[in-house]
Protein backbone atom coordinates (compact mmCIF):
# COMPACT_ATOMS: atom_id res chain seq x y z
CA GLN A 1 3.85 -29.46 2.50
CA VAL A 2 4.22 -27.69 -0.65
CA GLN A 3 6.62 -24.58 -0.48
CA LEU A 4 5.74 -21.71 -2.98
CA VAL A 5 8.00 -18.86 -3.96
CA GLU A 6 6.88 -15.99 -6.38
CA SER A 7 8.92 -13.70 -8.54
CA GLY A 8 8.54 -11.39 -11.57
CA GLY A 9 6.95 -8.54 -9.74
CA GLY A 10 8.22 -4.88 -10.14
CA LEU A 11 7.31 -1.30 -10.87
CA VAL A 12 5.78 -0.88 -14.44
CA GLN A 13 4.12 1.99 -16.27
CA ALA A 14 0.11 1.77 -17.10
CA GLY A 15 -0.10 -0.26 -20.37
CA GLY A 16 2.71 -2.23 -19.49
CA SER A 17 3.34 -6.06 -18.77
CA LEU A 18 4.51 -8.08 -16.30
CA ARG A 19 4.93 -12.19 -16.02
CA LEU A 20 4.57 -13.76 -12.39
CA SER A 21 6.09 -16.89 -11.85
CA CYS A 22 5.44 -19.15 -8.93
CA ALA A 23 7.88 -22.09 -8.20
CA ALA A 24 6.48 -25.04 -6.12
CA SER A 25 8.43 -27.61 -4.58
CA GLY A 26 7.49 -30.45 -2.06
CA GLN A 27 4.51 -32.92 -2.83
CA THR A 28 3.32 -33.35 -6.37
CA PHE A 29 2.56 -30.39 -7.96
CA SER A 30 0.45 -31.79 -10.52
CA ARG A 31 -2.10 -32.62 -7.46
CA TYR A 32 -2.91 -29.23 -7.08
CA THR A 33 -5.19 -26.48 -8.28
CA MET A 34 -3.00 -23.20 -8.51
CA GLY A 35 -4.41 -19.84 -7.97
CA TRP A 36 -3.28 -16.02 -7.78
CA PHE A 37 -4.60 -13.83 -5.24
CA ARG A 38 -3.91 -10.08 -4.85
CA GLN A 39 -4.12 -7.67 -1.41
CA ALA A 40 -3.77 -3.96 -2.21
CA PRO A 41 -2.92 -1.56 0.72
CA GLY A 42 -6.09 -1.31 3.06
CA LYS A 43 -8.19 -3.82 0.86
CA GLU A 44 -8.91 -7.24 1.37
CA ARG A 45 -7.34 -10.00 -0.42
CA GLU A 46 -8.92 -11.24 -3.55
CA PHE A 47 -8.86 -13.48 -6.15
CA VAL A 48 -7.12 -12.95 -9.39
CA ALA A 49 -7.11 -16.28 -11.42
CA ALA A 50 -7.16 -20.22 -11.02
CA ILE A 51 -5.99 -23.35 -13.30
CA SER A 52 -7.23 -26.66 -12.76
CA ARG A 53 -4.42 -29.47 -12.21
CA SER A 54 -4.69 -30.89 -15.72
CA THR A 55 -4.73 -27.14 -17.35
CA SER A 56 -7.96 -28.01 -19.18
CA SER A 57 -9.97 -25.17 -17.16
CA THR A 58 -8.94 -21.50 -16.27
CA TYR A 59 -10.51 -19.10 -14.32
CA TYR A 60 -10.41 -15.37 -13.75
CA ALA A 61 -12.04 -12.49 -11.68
CA ASP A 62 -13.93 -10.07 -14.23
CA SER A 63 -11.37 -7.42 -13.18
CA VAL A 64 -8.78 -9.09 -15.00
CA LYS A 65 -10.46 -11.15 -17.73
CA GLY A 66 -9.21 -10.51 -21.22
CA ARG A 67 -5.70 -8.79 -19.84
CA PHE A 68 -4.43 -11.81 -17.54
CA THR A 69 -3.51 -15.24 -18.53
CA ILE A 70 -2.76 -18.16 -15.99
CA SER A 71 -0.50 -20.74 -16.98
CA ARG A 72 1.25 -24.01 -15.55
CA ASP A 73 4.00 -26.21 -16.81
CA ASN A 74 3.61 -29.37 -14.65
CA ALA A 75 6.95 -30.69 -15.68
CA LYS A 76 8.75 -27.63 -14.22
CA ASN A 77 6.35 -27.28 -11.08
CA THR A 78 5.59 -23.59 -11.98
CA VAL A 79 2.50 -21.46 -12.67
CA TYR A 80 2.38 -18.04 -14.25
CA LEU A 81 0.28 -15.16 -14.59
CA GLN A 82 0.92 -13.10 -17.64
CA MET A 83 -0.52 -9.67 -16.86
CA ASN A 84 -0.94 -7.28 -19.76
CA SER A 85 -2.61 -3.88 -20.22
CA LEU A 86 -1.81 -3.05 -16.51
CA LYS A 87 -3.67 -0.54 -14.84
CA PRO A 88 -2.79 1.61 -11.37
CA ALA A 89 -5.70 -0.47 -10.05
CA ASP A 90 -3.74 -3.64 -10.21
CA THR A 91 -1.12 -2.62 -7.81
CA ALA A 92 -0.85 -4.99 -5.05
CA VAL A 93 1.04 -7.95 -3.49
CA TYR A 94 0.30 -11.05 -5.75
CA TYR A 95 0.17 -14.41 -3.89
CA CYS A 96 0.00 -17.65 -5.57
CA ALA A 97 -1.55 -20.65 -3.74
CA ALA A 98 -2.17 -24.57 -3.93
CA LYS A 99 -5.52 -26.07 -3.26
CA SER A 100 -6.34 -29.67 -3.13
CA ARG A 101 -9.73 -29.69 -1.44
CA VAL A 102 -12.95 -29.47 -2.94
CA GLY A 103 -14.51 -26.49 -2.87
CA PRO A 104 -14.76 -22.87 -4.81
CA TYR A 105 -11.50 -21.51 -6.54
CA THR A 106 -12.08 -18.42 -5.66
CA SER A 107 -11.97 -18.51 -1.93
CA GLY A 108 -8.61 -17.96 -0.41
CA SER A 109 -9.86 -20.39 2.70
CA MET A 110 -10.03 -23.60 0.20
CA TYR A 111 -6.18 -23.12 -0.54
CA ASP A 112 -3.72 -24.95 1.50
CA TYR A 113 -0.24 -23.39 0.69
CA TRP A 114 0.59 -19.75 0.13
CA GLY A 115 3.58 -18.11 -1.31
CA GLN A 116 5.36 -15.23 0.52
CA GLY A 117 4.10 -12.69 -2.31
CA THR A 118 5.63 -10.34 -4.83
CA GLN A 119 4.73 -6.57 -5.09
CA VAL A 120 3.75 -5.50 -8.31
CA THR A 121 3.36 -1.43 -8.56
CA VAL A 122 1.55 0.08 -11.76
CA SER A 123 2.17 3.45 -12.15
CA SER A 124 0.08 6.13 -14.06
């Protein structure tokens, strides 16, 4: 079992920045690929970013590439999502997730554990 707790969401103006954190507890954090997903009202959940267990590889949705940065600190059992140049379209509940199975990192069904989510609201 892995427990995930997100923090760092809030209200920000367009063009601003936020840094989300996801603290993990339970099984060895470094065993998991970590991902961030988001879900806006009335929309399906979508992939945002993922980072491999060793931090050597990162992956981004086209919509956030160049603006968001995912990172992790295995010593602190924490994954981060630095979000810059935020747009109103980025408004959503953001979830972190942990994946140990082999499979596409963009698919939420491949992830075993999820946090409760943190709200990000970007005003225009």
